């Protein structure tokens, strides 16, 4: 019998205190470094770090390197999506939907995680628990950056 593999989905919401045209670019892998202090992508494509659809980069996750691929970067429509894989452990699909709200932007972030082997099941569950609680921290970090920028 094949062991069950964990799959989780978690969504959180927050509000960014700036118009969507200003907020949306901040969810590109390169621009996220401006507001997320621990974010450190290493670009594979394009070789010179640049936010664009199809970008590929790696990010250190504990003792592993995850390979990230941008699958959507439609800033005008407010849709940003990434897939990342930690080999032999898990996959993650991250989808962001941004919606203008006057001078603010409403942001919805959904993480869908799947274990690739039974040993990763607890890790997938732990990450999902953190995902569900991440909204206030993302909101604080991005709004702190936006305030300092003004």
N, C-alpha and C. Protein backbone atom coordinates (compact mmCIF):
# COMPACT_ATOMS: atom_id res chain seq x y z
N UNK A 1 0.84 -1.19 0.00
CA UNK A 1 0.00 0.00 0.00
C UNK A 1 0.88 1.24 0.00
N UNK A 2 0.52 2.23 -0.79
CA UNK A 2 1.25 3.48 -0.88
C UNK A 2 0.85 4.41 0.25
N UNK A 3 1.84 5.03 0.88
CA UNK A 3 1.57 5.95 1.97
C UNK A 3 0.88 7.21 1.43
N UNK A 4 0.01 7.78 2.23
CA UNK A 4 -0.67 9.02 1.86
C UNK A 4 0.33 10.18 1.94
N UNK A 5 0.21 11.07 0.98
CA UNK A 5 1.06 12.26 0.96
C UNK A 5 0.21 13.47 1.31
N UNK A 6 0.75 14.30 2.16
CA UNK A 6 0.01 15.48 2.64
C UNK A 6 -0.17 16.49 1.51
N UNK A 7 -1.33 17.10 1.50
CA UNK A 7 -1.62 18.24 0.63
C UNK A 7 -2.38 19.25 1.46
N UNK A 8 -1.94 20.49 1.44
CA UNK A 8 -2.61 21.54 2.21
C UNK A 8 -2.87 22.74 1.33
N UNK A 9 -3.89 23.49 1.70
CA UNK A 9 -4.15 24.78 1.07
C UNK A 9 -4.49 25.76 2.17
N UNK A 10 -3.86 26.91 2.12
CA UNK A 10 -4.07 27.94 3.13
C UNK A 10 -4.09 29.30 2.44
N UNK A 11 -5.05 30.12 2.82
CA UNK A 11 -5.20 31.45 2.23
C UNK A 11 -5.20 32.49 3.33
N UNK A 12 -4.54 33.61 3.07
CA UNK A 12 -4.63 34.75 3.98
C UNK A 12 -4.83 36.01 3.17
N UNK A 13 -5.31 37.04 3.84
CA UNK A 13 -5.60 38.34 3.21
C UNK A 13 -4.94 39.44 4.01
N UNK A 14 -4.62 40.52 3.31
CA UNK A 14 -4.16 41.72 4.00
C UNK A 14 -4.35 42.91 3.09
N UNK A 15 -4.16 44.09 3.65
CA UNK A 15 -4.31 45.33 2.89
C UNK A 15 -2.99 46.08 2.86
N UNK A 16 -2.59 46.47 1.67
CA UNK A 16 -1.39 47.29 1.48
C UNK A 16 -1.84 48.74 1.33
N UNK A 17 -1.16 49.64 2.00
CA UNK A 17 -1.56 51.05 2.07
C UNK A 17 -1.00 51.86 0.91
N UNK A 18 -1.29 51.41 -0.31
CA UNK A 18 -0.88 52.14 -1.52
C UNK A 18 -1.71 51.60 -2.69
N UNK A 19 -1.80 52.37 -3.77
CA UNK A 19 -2.54 51.90 -4.94
C UNK A 19 -1.90 50.66 -5.57
N UNK A 20 -2.71 49.90 -6.28
CA UNK A 20 -2.25 48.63 -6.87
C UNK A 20 -1.05 48.83 -7.81
N UNK A 21 -1.02 49.92 -8.55
CA UNK A 21 0.09 50.15 -9.48
C UNK A 21 1.43 50.25 -8.74
N UNK A 22 1.40 50.68 -7.49
CA UNK A 22 2.60 50.79 -6.68
C UNK A 22 2.91 49.47 -5.95
N UNK A 23 1.85 48.76 -5.55
CA UNK A 23 2.01 47.55 -4.75
C UNK A 23 2.35 46.32 -5.60
N UNK A 24 1.68 46.13 -6.71
CA UNK A 24 1.83 44.90 -7.50
C UNK A 24 3.28 44.58 -7.85
N UNK A 25 4.08 45.54 -8.30
CA UNK A 25 5.48 45.20 -8.65
C UNK A 25 6.29 44.67 -7.47
N UNK A 26 5.87 44.96 -6.25
CA UNK A 26 6.60 44.52 -5.07
C UNK A 26 6.53 43.02 -4.84
N UNK A 27 5.71 42.31 -5.63
CA UNK A 27 5.61 40.86 -5.50
C UNK A 27 6.42 40.13 -6.56
N UNK A 28 7.22 40.86 -7.34
CA UNK A 28 8.21 40.22 -8.18
C UNK A 28 9.36 39.76 -7.30
N UNK A 29 10.05 38.72 -7.70
CA UNK A 29 11.10 38.13 -6.85
C UNK A 29 12.21 39.12 -6.51
N UNK A 30 12.60 39.96 -7.45
CA UNK A 30 13.67 40.93 -7.18
C UNK A 30 13.17 42.07 -6.30
N UNK A 31 12.00 42.60 -6.60
CA UNK A 31 11.48 43.75 -5.84
C UNK A 31 11.04 43.36 -4.43
N UNK A 32 10.71 42.10 -4.21
CA UNK A 32 10.30 41.67 -2.87
C UNK A 32 11.43 41.89 -1.85
N UNK A 33 12.67 41.89 -2.33
CA UNK A 33 13.80 42.12 -1.42
C UNK A 33 13.71 43.49 -0.75
N UNK A 34 12.98 44.42 -1.35
CA UNK A 34 12.84 45.76 -0.78
C UNK A 34 12.07 45.77 0.54
N UNK A 35 11.14 44.84 0.70
CA UNK A 35 10.29 44.87 1.90
C UNK A 35 10.36 43.61 2.76
N UNK A 36 10.92 42.53 2.25
CA UNK A 36 11.00 41.28 3.01
C UNK A 36 12.45 41.01 3.39
N UNK A 37 12.81 41.24 4.64
CA UNK A 37 14.23 41.23 5.03
C UNK A 37 14.94 39.89 4.85
N UNK A 38 14.23 38.77 4.89
CA UNK A 38 14.89 37.46 4.77
C UNK A 38 14.85 36.89 3.36
N UNK A 39 14.28 37.62 2.42
CA UNK A 39 14.09 37.13 1.05
C UNK A 39 15.40 37.32 0.27
N UNK A 40 15.95 36.23 -0.27
CA UNK A 40 17.24 36.30 -0.95
C UNK A 40 17.27 35.36 -2.16
N UNK A 41 16.53 35.69 -3.23
CA UNK A 41 16.54 34.83 -4.41
C UNK A 41 17.87 34.95 -5.17
N UNK A 42 18.30 33.83 -5.75
CA UNK A 42 19.49 33.79 -6.61
C UNK A 42 19.00 33.45 -8.02
N UNK A 43 19.08 34.42 -8.90
CA UNK A 43 18.49 34.27 -10.23
C UNK A 43 19.28 33.32 -11.13
N UNK A 44 18.53 32.49 -11.82
CA UNK A 44 19.06 31.61 -12.86
C UNK A 44 18.69 32.20 -14.21
N UNK A 45 17.42 32.62 -14.35
CA UNK A 45 16.93 33.27 -15.57
C UNK A 45 15.94 34.35 -15.19
N UNK A 46 16.12 35.55 -15.66
CA UNK A 46 17.27 36.00 -16.44
C UNK A 46 18.51 36.05 -15.55
N UNK A 47 19.67 35.96 -16.17
CA UNK A 47 20.92 35.91 -15.41
C UNK A 47 21.11 37.16 -14.56
N UNK A 48 20.78 38.32 -15.11
CA UNK A 48 20.78 39.56 -14.33
C UNK A 48 19.40 39.66 -13.68
N UNK A 49 19.36 39.75 -12.37
CA UNK A 49 18.11 39.75 -11.63
C UNK A 49 17.13 40.77 -12.20
N UNK A 50 15.95 40.28 -12.59
CA UNK A 50 14.91 41.14 -13.13
C UNK A 50 13.57 40.44 -12.98
N UNK A 51 12.57 41.20 -12.58
CA UNK A 51 11.23 40.64 -12.44
C UNK A 51 10.56 40.57 -13.80
N UNK A 52 10.28 39.34 -14.22
CA UNK A 52 9.57 39.14 -15.48
C UNK A 52 8.92 37.77 -15.48
N UNK A 53 7.89 37.62 -16.27
CA UNK A 53 7.20 36.34 -16.37
C UNK A 53 8.20 35.27 -16.79
N UNK A 54 8.11 34.12 -16.15
CA UNK A 54 9.00 33.01 -16.48
C UNK A 54 10.33 33.01 -15.76
N UNK A 55 10.56 33.98 -14.86
CA UNK A 55 11.85 34.02 -14.15
C UNK A 55 12.04 32.72 -13.37
N UNK A 56 13.30 32.31 -13.24
CA UNK A 56 13.68 31.11 -12.51
C UNK A 56 14.77 31.51 -11.52
N UNK A 57 14.62 31.06 -10.28
CA UNK A 57 15.61 31.41 -9.26
C UNK A 57 15.60 30.34 -8.19
N UNK A 58 16.61 30.37 -7.34
CA UNK A 58 16.65 29.45 -6.21
C UNK A 58 16.60 30.26 -4.92
N UNK A 59 16.09 29.60 -3.89
CA UNK A 59 16.01 30.19 -2.55
C UNK A 59 16.36 29.09 -1.56
N UNK A 60 17.16 29.44 -0.59
CA UNK A 60 17.54 28.47 0.45
C UNK A 60 16.36 28.26 1.39
N UNK A 61 16.00 27.00 1.62
CA UNK A 61 14.94 26.61 2.56
C UNK A 61 15.57 25.61 3.52
N UNK A 62 15.98 26.08 4.68
CA UNK A 62 16.63 25.18 5.63
C UNK A 62 17.93 24.67 5.05
N UNK A 63 18.05 23.35 4.91
CA UNK A 63 19.27 22.77 4.37
C UNK A 63 19.17 22.41 2.89
N UNK A 64 18.11 22.91 2.21
CA UNK A 64 17.89 22.60 0.80
C UNK A 64 17.72 23.89 -0.01
N UNK A 65 18.03 23.76 -1.29
CA UNK A 65 17.73 24.84 -2.23
C UNK A 65 16.44 24.49 -2.95
N UNK A 66 15.51 25.42 -2.92
CA UNK A 66 14.27 25.26 -3.67
C UNK A 66 14.42 25.95 -5.01
N UNK A 67 13.89 25.33 -6.05
CA UNK A 67 13.88 25.93 -7.38
C UNK A 67 12.51 26.56 -7.57
N UNK A 68 12.50 27.85 -7.85
CA UNK A 68 11.28 28.63 -8.03
C UNK A 68 11.12 29.00 -9.50
N UNK A 69 9.89 28.97 -9.97
CA UNK A 69 9.55 29.40 -11.33
C UNK A 69 8.33 30.31 -11.23
N UNK A 70 8.43 31.47 -11.86
CA UNK A 70 7.28 32.34 -11.93
C UNK A 70 6.40 31.86 -13.08
N UNK A 71 5.13 31.58 -12.79
CA UNK A 71 4.20 31.08 -13.81
C UNK A 71 3.23 32.16 -14.27
N UNK A 72 3.07 33.22 -13.50
CA UNK A 72 2.26 34.37 -13.90
C UNK A 72 2.81 35.62 -13.24
N UNK A 73 2.93 36.66 -14.03
CA UNK A 73 3.31 37.96 -13.51
C UNK A 73 2.54 39.00 -14.30
N UNK A 74 1.24 39.07 -14.03
CA UNK A 74 0.34 39.99 -14.72
C UNK A 74 -0.03 41.10 -13.74
N UNK A 75 0.84 42.10 -13.65
CA UNK A 75 0.69 43.15 -12.66
C UNK A 75 -0.54 44.01 -12.93
N UNK A 76 -0.88 44.22 -14.18
CA UNK A 76 -2.05 45.04 -14.51
C UNK A 76 -3.34 44.37 -14.02
N UNK A 77 -3.42 43.06 -14.14
CA UNK A 77 -4.60 42.32 -13.66
C UNK A 77 -4.49 41.95 -12.19
N UNK A 78 -3.32 42.10 -11.62
CA UNK A 78 -3.13 41.79 -10.21
C UNK A 78 -3.04 40.31 -9.93
N UNK A 79 -2.38 39.55 -10.81
CA UNK A 79 -2.21 38.12 -10.61
C UNK A 79 -0.72 37.79 -10.68
N UNK A 80 -0.23 37.17 -9.61
CA UNK A 80 1.17 36.75 -9.54
C UNK A 80 1.16 35.32 -9.03
N UNK A 81 1.97 34.47 -9.67
CA UNK A 81 1.98 33.07 -9.24
C UNK A 81 3.39 32.49 -9.37
N UNK A 82 3.75 31.68 -8.39
CA UNK A 82 5.03 30.99 -8.37
C UNK A 82 4.80 29.52 -8.03
N UNK A 83 5.67 28.68 -8.56
CA UNK A 83 5.76 27.28 -8.15
C UNK A 83 7.19 27.08 -7.67
N UNK A 84 7.32 26.38 -6.54
CA UNK A 84 8.67 26.00 -6.16
C UNK A 84 8.69 24.56 -5.72
N UNK A 85 9.86 23.94 -5.92
CA UNK A 85 10.06 22.53 -5.59
C UNK A 85 11.30 22.41 -4.73
N UNK A 86 11.15 21.71 -3.63
CA UNK A 86 12.29 21.27 -2.84
C UNK A 86 12.45 19.80 -3.19
N UNK A 87 13.49 19.45 -3.94
CA UNK A 87 13.62 18.09 -4.45
C UNK A 87 13.45 17.02 -3.37
N UNK A 88 12.69 16.00 -3.73
CA UNK A 88 12.42 14.85 -2.86
C UNK A 88 11.69 15.21 -1.57
N UNK A 89 11.14 16.42 -1.48
CA UNK A 89 10.45 16.83 -0.26
C UNK A 89 9.04 17.33 -0.56
N UNK A 90 8.93 18.48 -1.24
CA UNK A 90 7.60 19.07 -1.41
C UNK A 90 7.55 20.02 -2.58
N UNK A 91 6.32 20.31 -3.00
CA UNK A 91 6.07 21.35 -4.00
C UNK A 91 5.14 22.38 -3.38
N UNK A 92 5.26 23.60 -3.85
CA UNK A 92 4.40 24.68 -3.37
C UNK A 92 3.96 25.53 -4.56
N UNK A 93 2.68 25.82 -4.60
CA UNK A 93 2.10 26.74 -5.57
C UNK A 93 1.60 27.94 -4.78
N UNK A 94 2.11 29.13 -5.12
CA UNK A 94 1.71 30.35 -4.43
C UNK A 94 1.01 31.24 -5.44
N UNK A 95 -0.23 31.63 -5.13
CA UNK A 95 -1.01 32.47 -6.02
C UNK A 95 -1.44 33.72 -5.28
N UNK A 96 -1.15 34.87 -5.85
CA UNK A 96 -1.55 36.15 -5.28
C UNK A 96 -2.57 36.80 -6.21
N UNK A 97 -3.63 37.32 -5.60
CA UNK A 97 -4.62 38.13 -6.32
C UNK A 97 -4.68 39.49 -5.64
N UNK A 98 -4.46 40.53 -6.41
CA UNK A 98 -4.49 41.89 -5.90
C UNK A 98 -5.70 42.60 -6.48
N UNK A 99 -6.35 43.41 -5.64
CA UNK A 99 -7.54 44.13 -6.07
C UNK A 99 -7.45 45.56 -5.55
N UNK A 100 -7.62 46.54 -6.47
CA UNK A 100 -7.57 47.93 -6.01
C UNK A 100 -8.73 48.25 -5.09
N UNK A 101 -8.46 49.08 -4.09
CA UNK A 101 -9.48 49.53 -3.15
C UNK A 101 -9.18 50.99 -2.83
N UNK A 102 -9.52 51.86 -3.78
CA UNK A 102 -9.20 53.27 -3.62
C UNK A 102 -7.70 53.47 -3.62
N UNK A 103 -7.20 54.10 -2.56
CA UNK A 103 -5.76 54.35 -2.43
C UNK A 103 -5.03 53.16 -1.81
N UNK A 104 -5.74 52.06 -1.59
CA UNK A 104 -5.16 50.86 -0.98
C UNK A 104 -5.27 49.68 -1.96
N UNK A 105 -4.65 48.57 -1.57
CA UNK A 105 -4.72 47.35 -2.37
C UNK A 105 -5.03 46.18 -1.46
N UNK A 106 -6.04 45.43 -1.81
CA UNK A 106 -6.39 44.20 -1.09
C UNK A 106 -5.59 43.06 -1.71
N UNK A 107 -4.96 42.25 -0.87
CA UNK A 107 -4.11 41.17 -1.35
C UNK A 107 -4.61 39.85 -0.76
N UNK A 108 -4.78 38.87 -1.63
CA UNK A 108 -5.12 37.50 -1.20
C UNK A 108 -3.98 36.60 -1.63
N UNK A 109 -3.47 35.80 -0.72
CA UNK A 109 -2.35 34.90 -0.99
C UNK A 109 -2.79 33.48 -0.63
N UNK A 110 -2.63 32.56 -1.58
CA UNK A 110 -2.97 31.16 -1.34
C UNK A 110 -1.73 30.30 -1.57
N UNK A 111 -1.43 29.47 -0.57
CA UNK A 111 -0.37 28.48 -0.66
C UNK A 111 -1.01 27.10 -0.79
N UNK A 112 -0.63 26.35 -1.82
CA UNK A 112 -1.03 24.94 -1.95
C UNK A 112 0.26 24.13 -1.92
N UNK A 113 0.37 23.27 -0.93
CA UNK A 113 1.61 22.50 -0.73
C UNK A 113 1.31 21.01 -0.82
N UNK A 114 2.24 20.27 -1.41
CA UNK A 114 2.09 18.82 -1.54
C UNK A 114 3.41 18.15 -1.20
N UNK A 115 3.34 17.16 -0.32
CA UNK A 115 4.53 16.37 0.01
C UNK A 115 4.88 15.46 -1.16
N UNK A 116 6.16 15.26 -1.38
CA UNK A 116 6.61 14.35 -2.43
C UNK A 116 7.02 12.99 -1.87
N UNK A 117 7.13 12.91 -0.56
CA UNK A 117 7.35 11.62 0.10
C UNK A 117 6.76 11.70 1.50
N UNK A 118 6.45 10.56 2.10
CA UNK A 118 5.79 10.58 3.41
C UNK A 118 6.58 11.28 4.50
N UNK A 119 7.91 11.29 4.38
CA UNK A 119 8.73 11.95 5.38
C UNK A 119 8.53 13.46 5.40
N UNK A 120 8.03 14.01 4.31
CA UNK A 120 7.79 15.45 4.22
C UNK A 120 6.41 15.84 4.74
N UNK A 121 5.56 14.89 5.05
CA UNK A 121 4.20 15.22 5.51
C UNK A 121 4.19 16.17 6.70
N UNK A 122 4.97 15.92 7.76
CA UNK A 122 4.96 16.87 8.89
C UNK A 122 5.44 18.26 8.50
N UNK A 123 6.42 18.33 7.62
CA UNK A 123 6.93 19.64 7.17
C UNK A 123 5.85 20.40 6.41
N UNK A 124 5.12 19.71 5.54
CA UNK A 124 4.02 20.35 4.80
C UNK A 124 2.98 20.88 5.78
N UNK A 125 2.64 20.11 6.79
CA UNK A 125 1.65 20.54 7.78
C UNK A 125 2.16 21.76 8.57
N UNK A 126 3.42 21.74 8.98
CA UNK A 126 4.00 22.88 9.73
C UNK A 126 3.99 24.14 8.88
N UNK A 127 4.39 24.00 7.61
CA UNK A 127 4.40 25.15 6.73
C UNK A 127 2.99 25.71 6.54
N UNK A 128 2.01 24.84 6.39
CA UNK A 128 0.62 25.29 6.23
C UNK A 128 0.14 26.03 7.47
N UNK A 129 0.53 25.56 8.64
CA UNK A 129 0.15 26.28 9.87
C UNK A 129 0.73 27.69 9.85
N UNK A 130 1.96 27.82 9.42
CA UNK A 130 2.58 29.15 9.31
C UNK A 130 1.92 30.00 8.23
N UNK A 131 1.56 29.37 7.11
CA UNK A 131 0.90 30.10 6.02
C UNK A 131 -0.38 30.77 6.52
N UNK A 132 -1.16 30.06 7.29
CA UNK A 132 -2.45 30.58 7.76
C UNK A 132 -2.27 31.83 8.64
N UNK A 133 -1.12 31.96 9.26
CA UNK A 133 -0.86 33.06 10.19
C UNK A 133 -0.02 34.19 9.57
N UNK A 134 0.35 34.09 8.29
CA UNK A 134 1.33 34.99 7.69
C UNK A 134 0.79 36.36 7.31
N UNK A 135 -0.52 36.53 7.18
CA UNK A 135 -1.09 37.79 6.72
C UNK A 135 -0.64 39.01 7.50
N UNK A 136 -0.75 39.02 8.82
CA UNK A 136 -0.33 40.21 9.57
C UNK A 136 1.14 40.57 9.38
N UNK A 137 2.02 39.58 9.26
CA UNK A 137 3.44 39.86 9.08
C UNK A 137 3.71 40.43 7.69
N UNK A 138 3.09 39.86 6.67
CA UNK A 138 3.26 40.42 5.32
C UNK A 138 2.73 41.85 5.29
N UNK A 139 1.57 42.08 5.89
CA UNK A 139 0.99 43.42 5.91
C UNK A 139 1.91 44.41 6.61
N UNK A 140 2.46 44.03 7.75
CA UNK A 140 3.36 44.91 8.49
C UNK A 140 4.60 45.23 7.66
N UNK A 141 5.22 44.20 7.08
CA UNK A 141 6.46 44.41 6.33
C UNK A 141 6.25 45.30 5.12
N UNK A 142 5.21 45.02 4.35
CA UNK A 142 5.02 45.80 3.13
C UNK A 142 4.59 47.23 3.46
N UNK A 143 3.75 47.40 4.48
CA UNK A 143 3.32 48.77 4.83
C UNK A 143 4.44 49.56 5.49
N UNK A 144 5.31 48.90 6.25
CA UNK A 144 6.50 49.60 6.78
C UNK A 144 7.35 50.11 5.63
N UNK A 145 7.57 49.28 4.64
CA UNK A 145 8.35 49.69 3.47
C UNK A 145 7.67 50.87 2.76
N UNK A 146 6.37 50.78 2.54
CA UNK A 146 5.65 51.85 1.84
C UNK A 146 5.70 53.16 2.62
N UNK A 147 5.60 53.09 3.94
CA UNK A 147 5.68 54.31 4.77
C UNK A 147 7.07 54.94 4.68
N UNK A 148 8.10 54.13 4.77
CA UNK A 148 9.47 54.66 4.72
C UNK A 148 9.78 55.27 3.36
N UNK A 149 9.17 54.73 2.34
CA UNK A 149 9.42 55.19 0.97
C UNK A 149 8.83 56.58 0.72
N UNK A 150 7.81 56.93 1.45
CA UNK A 150 7.13 58.20 1.22
C UNK A 150 7.81 59.34 1.93
